[in-house]
């Protein structure tokens, strides 16, 4: 078994694949019924590449990330699929093995640093805990490394800030602390879940540039989860558009942005303000609401909101398949008629 796992890891490294997700299914078992939060998601990610996962709230972005980390909160469960990290199946790992992987090899930057940092622990103590658990660093060596990390993420007077509590820092500084914790062990995979949601535009730009530069320096594979297409345009190599728990379009960033092949992607792009179209057209919104994941409609999940919906869309769910090339995938029966979408 050990030899087989080592061979898989070597194959993954040879193929450049850090993460391979295949047909991942996850659900939350609630009193109202089963919420199918992730419905058969597949993608792969190579070292040094950044994948942007976009979609409205409730589309399954964060649930996908938590499933990859094996951290779905109760009553969530992974029901099927395959998650391979460096060639090894994470679904076969014990809880103890996953605890060693999380934080050291796979790190996550959460959406809300205030909720993630312990308010009664000093900032430095958070970092010392990570360094002690994952790297075995203690004492003065750990403190020196912690201060270096705070300095790396752009926190001024890092030695003094080391002893402060989270409430003594601004939102942007707290997010930098979370980034310092995430990169402390030089992770192979970095997952950023809406890392700039609560920040103003200036601080947001600084945080994104920091994530970009650190990912390049560490040569980490990165998953950026966001509803902000502007972030994806400036940071990501590939885009996966999620709707109702499924990826409905996936491909290289420029291809998806300039030649989208799913009505939902087109609709999202039309919701983005563009400086080159000021005064040309009104900003659009997507009519209707995402479906109830407990009672999904038959056929394509987007058809109740889609201006191109046909009878086939109402009864038959489209597969995610290649469009203009093998790297550009879309799940739409009318992908060849996207140009007909009313403006």
C-alpha atoms as a PDB file:
ATOM      1  CA  UNK A   1       0.000   0.000   0.000  1.00  0.00           C
ATOM      2  CA  UNK A   2       2.810   2.415   0.927  1.00  0.00           C
ATOM      3  CA  UNK A   3       4.587   1.655  -2.356  1.00  0.00           C
ATOM      4  CA  UNK A   4       1.359   2.235  -4.322  1.00  0.00           C
ATOM      5  CA  UNK A   5       0.796   5.591  -2.589  1.00  0.00           C
ATOM      6  CA  UNK A   6       4.377   6.652  -3.282  1.00  0.00           C
ATOM      7  CA  UNK A   7       3.932   5.751  -6.948  1.00  0.00           C
ATOM      8  CA  UNK A   8       0.744   7.831  -7.175  1.00  0.00           C
ATOM      9  CA  UNK A   9       2.494  10.809  -5.578  1.00  0.00           C
ATOM     10  CA  UNK A  10       5.367  10.479  -8.050  1.00  0.00           C
ATOM     11  CA  UNK A  11       2.933  10.268 -10.976  1.00  0.00           C
ATOM     12  CA  UNK A  12       1.093  13.363  -9.746  1.00  0.00           C
ATOM     13  CA  UNK A  13       4.341  15.274  -9.405  1.00  0.00           C
ATOM     14  CA  UNK A  14       5.375  14.149 -12.884  1.00  0.00           C
ATOM     15  CA  UNK A  15       2.045  15.248 -14.366  1.00  0.00           C
ATOM     16  CA  UNK A  16       2.208  18.568 -12.506  1.00  0.00           C
ATOM     17  CA  UNK A  17      -1.079  17.868 -10.709  1.00  0.00           C
ATOM     18  CA  UNK A  18      -1.191  19.050  -7.113  1.00  0.00           C
ATOM     19  CA  UNK A  19      -4.931  18.510  -6.696  1.00  0.00           C
ATOM     20  CA  UNK A  20      -7.320  16.332  -8.687  1.00  0.00           C
ATOM     21  CA  UNK A  21     -11.023  16.398  -7.818  1.00  0.00           C
ATOM     22  CA  UNK A  22     -13.328  14.003  -9.635  1.00  0.00           C
ATOM     23  CA  UNK A  23     -17.136  13.798  -9.322  1.00  0.00           C
ATOM     24  CA  UNK A  24     -17.133  15.214  -5.779  1.00  0.00           C
ATOM     25  CA  UNK A  25     -20.554  15.043  -4.110  1.00  0.00           C
ATOM     26  CA  UNK A  26     -21.316  16.506  -0.679  1.00  0.00           C
ATOM     27  CA  UNK A  27     -24.581  17.185   1.137  1.00  0.00           C
ATOM     28  CA  UNK A  28     -26.006  18.527   4.385  1.00  0.00           C
ATOM     29  CA  UNK A  29     -28.645  16.376   6.074  1.00  0.00           C
ATOM     30  CA  UNK A  30     -31.116  18.797   7.637  1.00  0.00           C
ATOM     31  CA  UNK A  31     -34.603  18.534   9.107  1.00  0.00           C
ATOM     32  CA  UNK A  32     -36.032  20.001   5.916  1.00  0.00           C
ATOM     33  CA  UNK A  33     -34.257  17.439   3.765  1.00  0.00           C
ATOM     34  CA  UNK A  34     -30.939  16.721   2.073  1.00  0.00           C
ATOM     35  CA  UNK A  35     -29.176  19.832   0.759  1.00  0.00           C
ATOM     36  CA  UNK A  36     -27.003  18.713  -2.158  1.00  0.00           C
ATOM     37  CA  UNK A  37     -24.385  21.451  -1.767  1.00  0.00           C
ATOM     38  CA  UNK A  38     -21.800  19.924  -4.119  1.00  0.00           C
ATOM     39  CA  UNK A  39     -23.165  17.924  -7.020  1.00  0.00           C
ATOM     40  CA  UNK A  40     -20.388  16.175  -8.933  1.00  0.00           C
ATOM     41  CA  UNK A  41     -17.570  18.729  -9.125  1.00  0.00           C
ATOM     42  CA  UNK A  42     -14.415  17.890 -11.119  1.00  0.00           C
ATOM     43  CA  UNK A  43     -11.217  19.858 -11.759  1.00  0.00           C
ATOM     44  CA  UNK A  44      -7.445  19.598 -11.442  1.00  0.00           C
ATOM     45  CA  UNK A  45      -4.837  22.123 -10.399  1.00  0.00           C
ATOM     46  CA  UNK A  46      -1.097  22.239 -11.098  1.00  0.00           C
ATOM     47  CA  UNK A  47       1.676  23.743  -8.988  1.00  0.00           C
ATOM     48  CA  UNK A  48       1.925  27.498  -9.434  1.00  0.00           C
ATOM     49  CA  UNK A  49      -1.531  27.817 -11.015  1.00  0.00           C
ATOM     50  CA  UNK A  50      -4.505  29.718  -9.611  1.00  0.00           C
ATOM     51  CA  UNK A  51      -8.104  28.560 -10.071  1.00  0.00           C
ATOM     52  CA  UNK A  52     -10.909  31.034  -9.463  1.00  0.00           C
ATOM     53  CA  UNK A  53     -14.223  29.520  -8.345  1.00  0.00           C
ATOM     54  CA  UNK A  54     -17.035  32.027  -8.860  1.00  0.00           C
ATOM     55  CA  UNK A  55     -20.790  32.119  -8.435  1.00  0.00           C
ATOM     56  CA  UNK A  56     -23.584  33.603  -6.369  1.00  0.00           C
ATOM     57  CA  UNK A  57     -23.912  32.943  -2.644  1.00  0.00           C
ATOM     58  CA  UNK A  58     -25.106  29.394  -2.063  1.00  0.00           C
ATOM     59  CA  UNK A  59     -23.650  28.036  -5.304  1.00  0.00           C
ATOM     60  CA  UNK A  60     -21.394  25.565  -3.485  1.00  0.00           C
ATOM     61  CA  UNK A  61     -18.031  27.345  -3.639  1.00  0.00           C
ATOM     62  CA  UNK A  62     -17.129  27.217   0.058  1.00  0.00           C
ATOM     63  CA  UNK A  63     -18.697  23.774   0.501  1.00  0.00           C
ATOM     64  CA  UNK A  64     -16.388  22.475  -2.238  1.00  0.00           C
ATOM     65  CA  UNK A  65     -13.330  23.911  -0.458  1.00  0.00           C
ATOM     66  CA  UNK A  66     -14.382  22.511   2.930  1.00  0.00           C
ATOM     67  CA  UNK A  67     -15.017  19.111   1.353  1.00  0.00           C
ATOM     68  CA  UNK A  68     -11.492  19.119  -0.113  1.00  0.00           C
ATOM     69  CA  UNK A  69     -10.156  19.866   3.369  1.00  0.00           C
ATOM     70  CA  UNK A  70     -12.437  17.204   4.883  1.00  0.00           C
ATOM     71  CA  UNK A  71     -13.754  19.984   7.142  1.00  0.00           C
ATOM     72  CA  UNK A  72     -17.460  20.068   6.282  1.00  0.00           C
ATOM     73  CA  UNK A  73     -19.328  21.131   9.441  1.00  0.00           C
ATOM     74  CA  UNK A  74     -22.078  18.926  10.872  1.00  0.00           C
ATOM     75  CA  UNK A  75     -24.460  17.811   9.364  1.00  0.00           C
ATOM     76  CA  UNK A  76     -22.400  17.838   6.164  1.00  0.00           C
ATOM     77  CA  UNK A  77     -21.050  14.669   4.579  1.00  0.00           C
ATOM     78  CA  UNK A  78     -19.023  13.718   1.532  1.00  0.00           C
ATOM     79  CA  UNK A  79     -21.142  11.199  -0.348  1.00  0.00           C
ATOM     80  CA  UNK A  80     -18.880  10.315  -3.255  1.00  0.00           C
ATOM     81  CA  UNK A  81     -16.113  11.226  -5.616  1.00  0.00           C
ATOM     82  CA  UNK A  82     -12.358  11.295  -5.524  1.00  0.00           C
ATOM     83  CA  UNK A  83      -9.989  13.890  -4.006  1.00  0.00           C
ATOM     84  CA  UNK A  84      -6.323  13.277  -4.791  1.00  0.00           C
ATOM     85  CA  UNK A  85      -3.650  15.530  -3.335  1.00  0.00           C
ATOM     86  CA  UNK A  86      -0.147  14.844  -4.690  1.00  0.00           C
ATOM     87  CA  UNK A  87      -1.489  11.531  -5.924  1.00  0.00           C
ATOM     88  CA  UNK A  88      -2.900  10.366  -2.590  1.00  0.00           C
ATOM     89  CA  UNK A  89      -6.620   9.915  -1.924  1.00  0.00           C
ATOM     90  CA  UNK A  90      -7.644  12.303   0.860  1.00  0.00           C
ATOM     91  CA  UNK A  91     -10.894  10.406   1.398  1.00  0.00           C
ATOM     92  CA  UNK A  92      -8.884   7.397   2.617  1.00  0.00           C
ATOM     93  CA  UNK A  93      -6.948   9.453   5.165  1.00  0.00           C
ATOM     94  CA  UNK A  94      -7.698   9.140   8.872  1.00  0.00           C
ATOM     95  CA  UNK A  95      -8.692  12.199  10.889  1.00  0.00           C
ATOM     96  CA  UNK A  96      -5.209  12.272  12.429  1.00  0.00           C
ATOM     97  CA  UNK A  97      -3.559  12.196   9.000  1.00  0.00           C
ATOM     98  CA  UNK A  98      -5.824  14.993   7.765  1.00  0.00           C
ATOM     99  CA  UNK A  99      -4.944  17.113  10.795  1.00  0.00           C
ATOM    100  CA  UNK A 100      -1.294  16.842   9.779  1.00  0.00           C
ATOM    101  CA  UNK A 101      -2.073  17.781   6.170  1.00  0.00           C
ATOM    102  CA  UNK A 102      -4.320  20.728   7.018  1.00  0.00           C
ATOM    103  CA  UNK A 103      -2.239  23.763   7.854  1.00  0.00           C
ATOM    104  CA  UNK A 104       1.033  22.243   6.727  1.00  0.00           C
ATOM    105  CA  UNK A 105       0.454  21.056   3.152  1.00  0.00           C
ATOM    106  CA  UNK A 106      -3.005  22.543   2.517  1.00  0.00           C
ATOM    107  CA  UNK A 107      -3.731  25.920   4.094  1.00  0.00           C
ATOM    108  CA  UNK A 108      -6.873  28.040   4.046  1.00  0.00           C
ATOM    109  CA  UNK A 109      -7.372  31.787   4.332  1.00  0.00           C
ATOM    110  CA  UNK A 110     -10.906  32.251   5.716  1.00  0.00           C
ATOM    111  CA  UNK A 111     -13.447  34.891   4.807  1.00  0.00           C
ATOM    112  CA  UNK A 112     -13.739  36.474   8.250  1.00  0.00           C
ATOM    113  CA  UNK A 113     -10.506  36.761  10.266  1.00  0.00           C
ATOM    114  CA  UNK A 114     -12.399  38.144  13.264  1.00  0.00           C
ATOM    115  CA  UNK A 115     -14.348  34.899  13.606  1.00  0.00           C
ATOM    116  CA  UNK A 116     -11.227  32.783  13.029  1.00  0.00           C
ATOM    117  CA  UNK A 117      -8.856  34.403  15.532  1.00  0.00           C
ATOM    118  CA  UNK A 118      -9.287  33.673  19.234  1.00  0.00           C
ATOM    119  CA  UNK A 119      -9.992  37.063  20.855  1.00  0.00           C
ATOM    120  CA  UNK A 120      -8.254  36.109  24.143  1.00  0.00           C
ATOM    121  CA  UNK A 121      -5.050  34.909  22.445  1.00  0.00           C
ATOM    122  CA  UNK A 122      -2.312  37.259  21.357  1.00  0.00           C
ATOM    123  CA  UNK A 123      -1.526  37.395  17.647  1.00  0.00           C
ATOM    124  CA  UNK A 124       1.886  35.873  18.197  1.00  0.00           C
ATOM    125  CA  UNK A 125       0.414  32.952  20.136  1.00  0.00           C
ATOM    126  CA  UNK A 126      -1.697  31.993  17.121  1.00  0.00           C
ATOM    127  CA  UNK A 127       1.431  31.783  15.001  1.00  0.00           C
ATOM    128  CA  UNK A 128       3.447  29.973  17.666  1.00  0.00           C
ATOM    129  CA  UNK A 129       0.729  27.323  17.848  1.00  0.00           C
ATOM    130  CA  UNK A 130       0.888  26.676  14.090  1.00  0.00           C
ATOM    131  CA  UNK A 131       4.691  26.541  14.077  1.00  0.00           C
ATOM    132  CA  UNK A 132       4.783  24.224  17.074  1.00  0.00           C
ATOM    133  CA  UNK A 133       2.152  21.760  15.843  1.00  0.00           C
ATOM    134  CA  UNK A 134       3.285  21.487  12.228  1.00  0.00           C
ATOM    135  CA  UNK A 135       7.013  22.291  12.263  1.00  0.00           C
ATOM    136  CA  UNK A 136       8.035  21.428  15.816  1.00  0.00           C
ATOM    137  CA  UNK A 137       9.401  24.930  16.372  1.00  0.00           C
ATOM    138  CA  UNK A 138       9.376  26.231  19.965  1.00  0.00           C
ATOM    139  CA  UNK A 139      10.974  28.871  22.129  1.00  0.00           C
ATOM    140  CA  UNK A 140      13.023  31.677  20.666  1.00  0.00           C
ATOM    141  CA  UNK A 141      13.320  30.019  17.243  1.00  0.00           C
ATOM    142  CA  UNK A 142       9.525  29.918  16.929  1.00  0.00           C
ATOM    143  CA  UNK A 143       9.168  33.518  18.081  1.00  0.00           C
ATOM    144  CA  UNK A 144      11.772  34.710  15.593  1.00  0.00           C
ATOM    145  CA  UNK A 145      10.015  32.854  12.759  1.00  0.00           C
ATOM    146  CA  UNK A 146       6.611  34.247  13.804  1.00  0.00           C
ATOM    147  CA  UNK A 147       7.910  37.827  13.729  1.00  0.00           C
ATOM    148  CA  UNK A 148       9.460  37.159  10.306  1.00  0.00           C
ATOM    149  CA  UNK A 149       6.088  35.951   9.029  1.00  0.00           C
ATOM    150  CA  UNK A 150       4.300  39.058  10.310  1.00  0.00           C
ATOM    151  CA  UNK A 151       6.927  41.182   8.591  1.00  0.00           C
ATOM    152  CA  UNK A 152       6.584  39.162   5.368  1.00  0.00           C
ATOM    153  CA  UNK A 153       2.852  39.867   5.132  1.00  0.00           C
ATOM    154  CA  UNK A 154       3.426  43.593   5.566  1.00  0.00           C
ATOM    155  CA  UNK A 155       2.580  44.198   9.212  1.00  0.00           C
ATOM    156  CA  UNK A 156       4.643  47.178  10.447  1.00  0.00           C
ATOM    157  CA  UNK A 157       6.504  46.941  13.755  1.00  0.00           C
ATOM    158  CA  UNK A 158       6.063  43.180  13.659  1.00  0.00           C
ATOM    159  CA  UNK A 159       7.940  42.605  16.898  1.00  0.00           C
ATOM    160  CA  UNK A 160       5.523  44.834  18.812  1.00  0.00           C
ATOM    161  CA  UNK A 161       2.423  43.591  16.988  1.00  0.00           C
ATOM    162  CA  UNK A 162       3.409  40.051  17.959  1.00  0.00           C
ATOM    163  CA  UNK A 163       2.137  40.765  21.469  1.00  0.00           C
ATOM    164  CA  UNK A 164      -1.141  42.455  20.516  1.00  0.00           C
ATOM    165  CA  UNK A 165      -4.634  40.964  20.625  1.00  0.00           C
ATOM    166  CA  UNK A 166      -6.763  40.678  17.445  1.00  0.00           C
ATOM    167  CA  UNK A 167      -9.099  43.503  18.542  1.00  0.00           C
ATOM    168  CA  UNK A 168      -6.140  45.896  18.582  1.00  0.00           C
ATOM    169  CA  UNK A 169      -5.675  45.443  14.837  1.00  0.00           C
ATOM    170  CA  UNK A 170      -7.668  46.659  11.851  1.00  0.00           C
ATOM    171  CA  UNK A 171      -9.571  44.257   9.594  1.00  0.00           C
ATOM    172  CA  UNK A 172      -6.823  44.366   7.009  1.00  0.00           C
ATOM    173  CA  UNK A 173      -4.149  43.620   9.603  1.00  0.00           C
ATOM    174  CA  UNK A 174      -6.161  40.696  10.989  1.00  0.00           C
ATOM    175  CA  UNK A 175      -6.448  39.280   7.479  1.00  0.00           C
ATOM    176  CA  UNK A 176      -2.675  39.612   7.086  1.00  0.00           C
ATOM    177  CA  UNK A 177      -2.269  37.606  10.290  1.00  0.00           C
ATOM    178  CA  UNK A 178      -4.449  34.853   8.795  1.00  0.00           C
ATOM    179  CA  UNK A 179      -2.282  34.884   5.658  1.00  0.00           C
ATOM    180  CA  UNK A 180       0.853  34.635   7.818  1.00  0.00           C
ATOM    181  CA  UNK A 181      -0.629  31.581   9.544  1.00  0.00           C
ATOM    182  CA  UNK A 182      -1.558  30.062   6.181  1.00  0.00           C
ATOM    183  CA  UNK A 183       1.922  30.414   4.648  1.00  0.00           C
ATOM    184  CA  UNK A 184       3.836  29.534   7.823  1.00  0.00           C
ATOM    185  CA  UNK A 185       4.565  25.991   6.620  1.00  0.00           C
ATOM    186  CA  UNK A 186       5.007  26.801   2.901  1.00  0.00           C
ATOM    187  CA  UNK A 187       1.855  24.932   1.826  1.00  0.00           C
ATOM    188  CA  UNK A 188       1.612  23.143  -1.497  1.00  0.00           C
ATOM    189  CA  UNK A 189      -2.044  24.170  -1.861  1.00  0.00           C
ATOM    190  CA  UNK A 190      -3.511  27.473  -0.678  1.00  0.00           C
ATOM    191  CA  UNK A 191      -7.282  27.983  -0.537  1.00  0.00           C
ATOM    192  CA  UNK A 192      -8.519  31.559  -0.145  1.00  0.00           C
ATOM    193  CA  UNK A 193     -12.246  31.772   0.655  1.00  0.00           C
ATOM    194  CA  UNK A 194     -13.506  35.298  -0.063  1.00  0.00           C
ATOM    195  CA  UNK A 195     -10.415  36.748   1.691  1.00  0.00           C
ATOM    196  CA  UNK A 196     -11.261  40.402   0.976  1.00  0.00           C
ATOM    197  CA  UNK A 197     -15.035  40.539   1.484  1.00  0.00           C
ATOM    198  CA  UNK A 198     -15.033  42.786   4.557  1.00  0.00           C
ATOM    199  CA  UNK A 199     -12.219  45.075   3.408  1.00  0.00           C
ATOM    200  CA  UNK A 200     -12.287  48.430   1.656  1.00  0.00           C
ATOM    201  CA  UNK A 201     -11.063  48.690  -1.940  1.00  0.00           C
ATOM    202  CA  UNK A 202      -7.555  49.903  -1.116  1.00  0.00           C
ATOM    203  CA  UNK A 203      -6.862  47.222   1.499  1.00  0.00           C
ATOM    204  CA  UNK A 204      -8.494  44.630  -0.752  1.00  0.00           C
ATOM    205  CA  UNK A 205      -6.013  45.416  -3.522  1.00  0.00           C
ATOM    206  CA  UNK A 206      -3.110  45.148  -1.074  1.00  0.00           C
ATOM    207  CA  UNK A 207      -4.286  41.762   0.238  1.00  0.00           C
ATOM    208  CA  UNK A 208      -4.773  40.362  -3.274  1.00  0.00           C
ATOM    209  CA  UNK A 209      -1.329  41.533  -4.349  1.00  0.00           C
ATOM    210  CA  UNK A 210       0.108  39.930  -1.221  1.00  0.00           C
ATOM    211  CA  UNK A 211      -1.582  36.597  -1.979  1.00  0.00           C
ATOM    212  CA  UNK A 212      -0.416  36.782  -5.588  1.00  0.00           C
ATOM    213  CA  UNK A 213       3.222  37.484  -4.692  1.00  0.00           C
ATOM    214  CA  UNK A 214       3.364  34.874  -1.918  1.00  0.00           C
ATOM    215  CA  UNK A 215       1.807  32.193  -4.152  1.00  0.00           C
ATOM    216  CA  UNK A 216       4.406  32.943  -6.812  1.00  0.00           C
ATOM    217  CA  UNK A 217       7.221  32.887  -4.259  1.00  0.00           C
ATOM    218  CA  UNK A 218       6.087  29.577  -2.743  1.00  0.00           C
ATOM    219  CA  UNK A 219       5.034  28.149  -6.139  1.00  0.00           C
ATOM    220  CA  UNK A 220       1.810  27.044  -4.469  1.00  0.00           C
ATOM    221  CA  UNK A 221      -1.308  25.929  -6.294  1.00  0.00           C
ATOM    222  CA  UNK A 222      -4.056  28.367  -5.301  1.00  0.00           C
ATOM    223  CA  UNK A 223      -7.854  28.218  -5.237  1.00  0.00           C
ATOM    224  CA  UNK A 224      -9.480  31.646  -5.037  1.00  0.00           C
ATOM    225  CA  UNK A 225     -13.146  31.484  -4.031  1.00  0.00           C
ATOM    226  CA  UNK A 226     -15.002  34.705  -4.778  1.00  0.00           C
ATOM    227  CA  UNK A 227     -18.123  36.314  -6.203  1.00  0.00           C
ATOM    228  CA  UNK A 228     -15.998  39.177  -7.529  1.00  0.00           C
ATOM    229  CA  UNK A 229     -15.109  38.631 -11.191  1.00  0.00           C
ATOM    230  CA  UNK A 230     -12.672  41.534 -11.039  1.00  0.00           C
ATOM    231  CA  UNK A 231     -10.538  39.541  -8.595  1.00  0.00           C
ATOM    232  CA  UNK A 232     -10.598  36.543 -10.932  1.00  0.00           C
ATOM    233  CA  UNK A 233      -9.580  38.697 -13.906  1.00  0.00           C
ATOM    234  CA  UNK A 234      -6.514  40.006 -12.124  1.00  0.00           C
ATOM    235  CA  UNK A 235      -5.389  36.926 -10.217  1.00  0.00           C
ATOM    236  CA  UNK A 236      -6.476  33.614 -11.755  1.00  0.00           C
ATOM    237  CA  UNK A 237      -5.246  31.454 -14.624  1.00  0.00           C
ATOM    238  CA  UNK A 238      -8.413  29.350 -14.879  1.00  0.00           C
ATOM    239  CA  UNK A 239     -12.055  29.931 -13.948  1.00  0.00           C
ATOM    240  CA  UNK A 240     -14.726  27.528 -12.723  1.00  0.00           C
ATOM    241  CA  UNK A 241     -18.247  28.973 -12.647  1.00  0.00           C
ATOM    242  CA  UNK A 242     -20.511  27.245 -10.116  1.00  0.00           C
ATOM    243  CA  UNK A 243     -24.288  27.243  -9.977  1.00  0.00           C
ATOM    244  CA  UNK A 244     -26.538  25.161  -7.713  1.00  0.00           C
ATOM    245  CA  UNK A 245     -23.630  23.043  -6.498  1.00  0.00           C
ATOM    246  CA  UNK A 246     -22.223  22.215  -9.933  1.00  0.00           C
ATOM    247  CA  UNK A 247     -19.587  23.632 -12.255  1.00  0.00           C
ATOM    248  CA  UNK A 248     -21.479  24.914 -15.294  1.00  0.00           C
ATOM    249  CA  UNK A 249     -18.463  26.342 -17.131  1.00  0.00           C
ATOM    250  CA  UNK A 250     -14.716  25.914 -16.764  1.00  0.00           C
ATOM    251  CA  UNK A 251     -11.755  27.050 -18.786  1.00  0.00           C
ATOM    252  CA  UNK A 252      -8.812  29.462 -19.140  1.00  0.00           C
ATOM    253  CA  UNK A 253      -9.608  32.895 -17.728  1.00  0.00           C
ATOM    254  CA  UNK A 254      -9.485  34.846 -20.992  1.00  0.00           C
ATOM    255  CA  UNK A 255     -11.517  32.229 -22.855  1.00  0.00           C
ATOM    256  CA  UNK A 256     -14.285  32.230 -20.248  1.00  0.00           C
ATOM    257  CA  UNK A 257     -14.303  36.034 -19.998  1.00  0.00           C
ATOM    258  CA  UNK A 258     -14.270  36.814 -23.720  1.00  0.00           C
ATOM    259  CA  UNK A 259     -15.988  33.719 -25.163  1.00  0.00           C
ATOM    260  CA  UNK A 260     -18.346  32.440 -22.452  1.00  0.00           C
ATOM    261  CA  UNK A 261     -20.433  29.406 -23.378  1.00  0.00           C
ATOM    262  CA  UNK A 262     -23.027  29.320 -20.603  1.00  0.00           C
ATOM    263  CA  UNK A 263     -25.902  31.792 -20.091  1.00  0.00           C
ATOM    264  CA  UNK A 264     -25.134  32.023 -16.371  1.00  0.00           C
ATOM    265  CA  UNK A 265     -21.537  33.081 -17.075  1.00  0.00           C
ATOM    266  CA  UNK A 266     -22.774  35.693 -19.556  1.00  0.00           C
ATOM    267  CA  UNK A 267     -25.237  36.973 -16.958  1.00  0.00           C
ATOM    268  CA  UNK A 268     -22.542  37.241 -14.282  1.00  0.00           C
ATOM    269  CA  UNK A 269     -20.270  39.158 -16.632  1.00  0.00           C
ATOM    270  CA  UNK A 270     -23.071  41.586 -17.479  1.00  0.00           C
ATOM    271  CA  UNK A 271     -23.444  42.360 -13.768  1.00  0.00           C
ATOM    272  CA  UNK A 272     -19.878  43.692 -13.596  1.00  0.00           C
ATOM    273  CA  UNK A 273     -19.348  47.473 -14.023  1.00  0.00           C
ATOM    274  CA  UNK A 274     -17.037  48.234 -16.944  1.00  0.00           C
ATOM    275  CA  UNK A 275     -15.108  51.469 -17.344  1.00  0.00           C
ATOM    276  CA  UNK A 276     -15.106  51.120 -21.128  1.00  0.00           C
ATOM    277  CA  UNK A 277     -18.928  51.066 -21.243  1.00  0.00           C
ATOM    278  CA  UNK A 278     -19.865  53.947 -18.970  1.00  0.00           C
ATOM    279  CA  UNK A 279     -23.103  55.462 -20.221  1.00  0.00           C
ATOM    280  CA  UNK A 280     -23.520  52.809 -22.925  1.00  0.00           C
ATOM    281  CA  UNK A 281     -25.817  50.421 -21.114  1.00  0.00           C
ATOM    282  CA  UNK A 282     -27.379  49.974 -17.701  1.00  0.00           C
ATOM    283  CA  UNK A 283     -25.844  47.511 -15.278  1.00  0.00           C
ATOM    284  CA  UNK A 284     -27.838  44.293 -15.463  1.00  0.00           C
ATOM    285  CA  UNK A 285     -28.968  41.848 -12.811  1.00  0.00           C
ATOM    286  CA  UNK A 286     -29.969  38.193 -13.048  1.00  0.00           C
ATOM    287  CA  UNK A 287     -33.733  37.782 -12.616  1.00  0.00           C
ATOM    288  CA  UNK A 288     -35.117  35.211 -10.195  1.00  0.00           C
ATOM    289  CA  UNK A 289     -33.363  33.267  -7.447  1.00  0.00           C
ATOM    290  CA  UNK A 290     -31.049  30.240  -7.335  1.00  0.00           C
ATOM    291  CA  UNK A 291     -32.961  26.959  -6.921  1.00  0.00           C
ATOM    292  CA  UNK A 292     -33.739  25.279  -3.610  1.00  0.00           C
ATOM    293  CA  UNK A 293     -31.011  22.639  -3.308  1.00  0.00           C
ATOM    294  CA  UNK A 294     -33.422  20.372  -1.439  1.00  0.00           C
ATOM    295  CA  UNK A 295     -35.986  20.425  -4.241  1.00  0.00           C
ATOM    296  CA  UNK A 296     -34.017  20.825  -7.427  1.00  0.00           C
ATOM    297  CA  UNK A 297     -36.040  21.316 -10.631  1.00  0.00           C
ATOM    298  CA  UNK A 298     -35.710  18.665 -13.348  1.00  0.00           C
ATOM    299  CA  UNK A 299     -33.375  19.305 -16.252  1.00  0.00           C
ATOM    300  CA  UNK A 300     -30.852  22.143 -16.220  1.00  0.00           C
ATOM    301  CA  UNK A 301     -30.756  23.903 -12.840  1.00  0.00           C
ATOM    302  CA  UNK A 302     -30.489  27.327 -14.512  1.00  0.00           C
ATOM    303  CA  UNK A 303     -33.407  27.036 -16.951  1.00  0.00           C
ATOM    304  CA  UNK A 304     -35.977  28.933 -14.785  1.00  0.00           C
ATOM    305  CA  UNK A 305     -33.716  32.033 -15.053  1.00  0.00           C
ATOM    306  CA  UNK A 306     -32.312  31.429 -18.545  1.00  0.00           C
ATOM    307  CA  UNK A 307     -33.478  33.467 -21.568  1.00  0.00           C
ATOM    308  CA  UNK A 308     -32.339  30.670 -23.911  1.00  0.00           C
ATOM    309  CA  UNK A 309     -34.154  27.817 -22.134  1.00  0.00           C
ATOM    310  CA  UNK A 310     -35.757  25.264 -24.456  1.00  0.00           C
ATOM    311  CA  UNK A 311     -37.989  22.289 -23.756  1.00  0.00           C
ATOM    312  CA  UNK A 312     -34.929  20.036 -23.602  1.00  0.00           C
ATOM    313  CA  UNK A 313     -33.437  22.246 -20.881  1.00  0.00           C
ATOM    314  CA  UNK A 314     -36.536  21.701 -18.753  1.00  0.00           C
ATOM    315  CA  UNK A 315     -36.338  17.900 -18.769  1.00  0.00           C
ATOM    316  CA  UNK A 316     -32.726  16.853 -19.429  1.00  0.00           C
ATOM    317  CA  UNK A 317     -29.644  17.929 -17.491  1.00  0.00           C
ATOM    318  CA  UNK A 318     -26.738  18.878 -19.804  1.00  0.00           C
ATOM    319  CA  UNK A 319     -23.273  17.332 -19.251  1.00  0.00           C
ATOM    320  CA  UNK A 320     -20.142  19.408 -18.748  1.00  0.00           C
ATOM    321  CA  UNK A 321     -18.409  18.940 -22.094  1.00  0.00           C
ATOM    322  CA  UNK A 322     -15.783  20.521 -24.339  1.00  0.00           C
ATOM    323  CA  UNK A 323     -16.727  23.534 -26.438  1.00  0.00           C
ATOM    324  CA  UNK A 324     -14.190  25.284 -28.667  1.00  0.00           C
ATOM    325  CA  UNK A 325     -11.295  23.247 -27.247  1.00  0.00           C
ATOM    326  CA  UNK A 326     -10.606  20.479 -24.717  1.00  0.00           C
ATOM    327  CA  UNK A 327      -9.826  22.981 -21.953  1.00  0.00           C
ATOM    328  CA  UNK A 328     -13.071  24.958 -22.269  1.00  0.00           C
ATOM    329  CA  UNK A 329     -16.061  23.090 -20.829  1.00  0.00           C
ATOM    330  CA  UNK A 330     -19.696  24.120 -20.545  1.00  0.00           C
ATOM    331  CA  UNK A 331     -22.899  22.435 -19.366  1.00  0.00           C
ATOM    332  CA  UNK A 332     -25.460  23.953 -21.717  1.00  0.00           C
ATOM    333  CA  UNK A 333     -27.616  22.528 -24.514  1.00  0.00           C
ATOM    334  CA  UNK A 334     -27.565  25.929 -26.230  1.00  0.00           C
ATOM    335  CA  UNK A 335     -23.857  26.734 -25.926  1.00  0.00           C
ATOM    336  CA  UNK A 336     -23.622  27.304 -29.676  1.00  0.00           C
ATOM    337  CA  UNK A 337     -26.361  29.939 -29.508  1.00  0.00           C
ATOM    338  CA  UNK A 338     -25.032  32.127 -26.690  1.00  0.00           C
ATOM    339  CA  UNK A 339     -24.773  35.069 -29.098  1.00  0.00           C
ATOM    340  CA  UNK A 340     -28.577  35.044 -29.295  1.00  0.00           C
ATOM    341  CA  UNK A 341     -28.958  36.018 -25.638  1.00  0.00           C
ATOM    342  CA  UNK A 342     -30.915  39.271 -25.463  1.00  0.00           C
ATOM    343  CA  UNK A 343     -28.821  42.214 -24.306  1.00  0.00           C
END
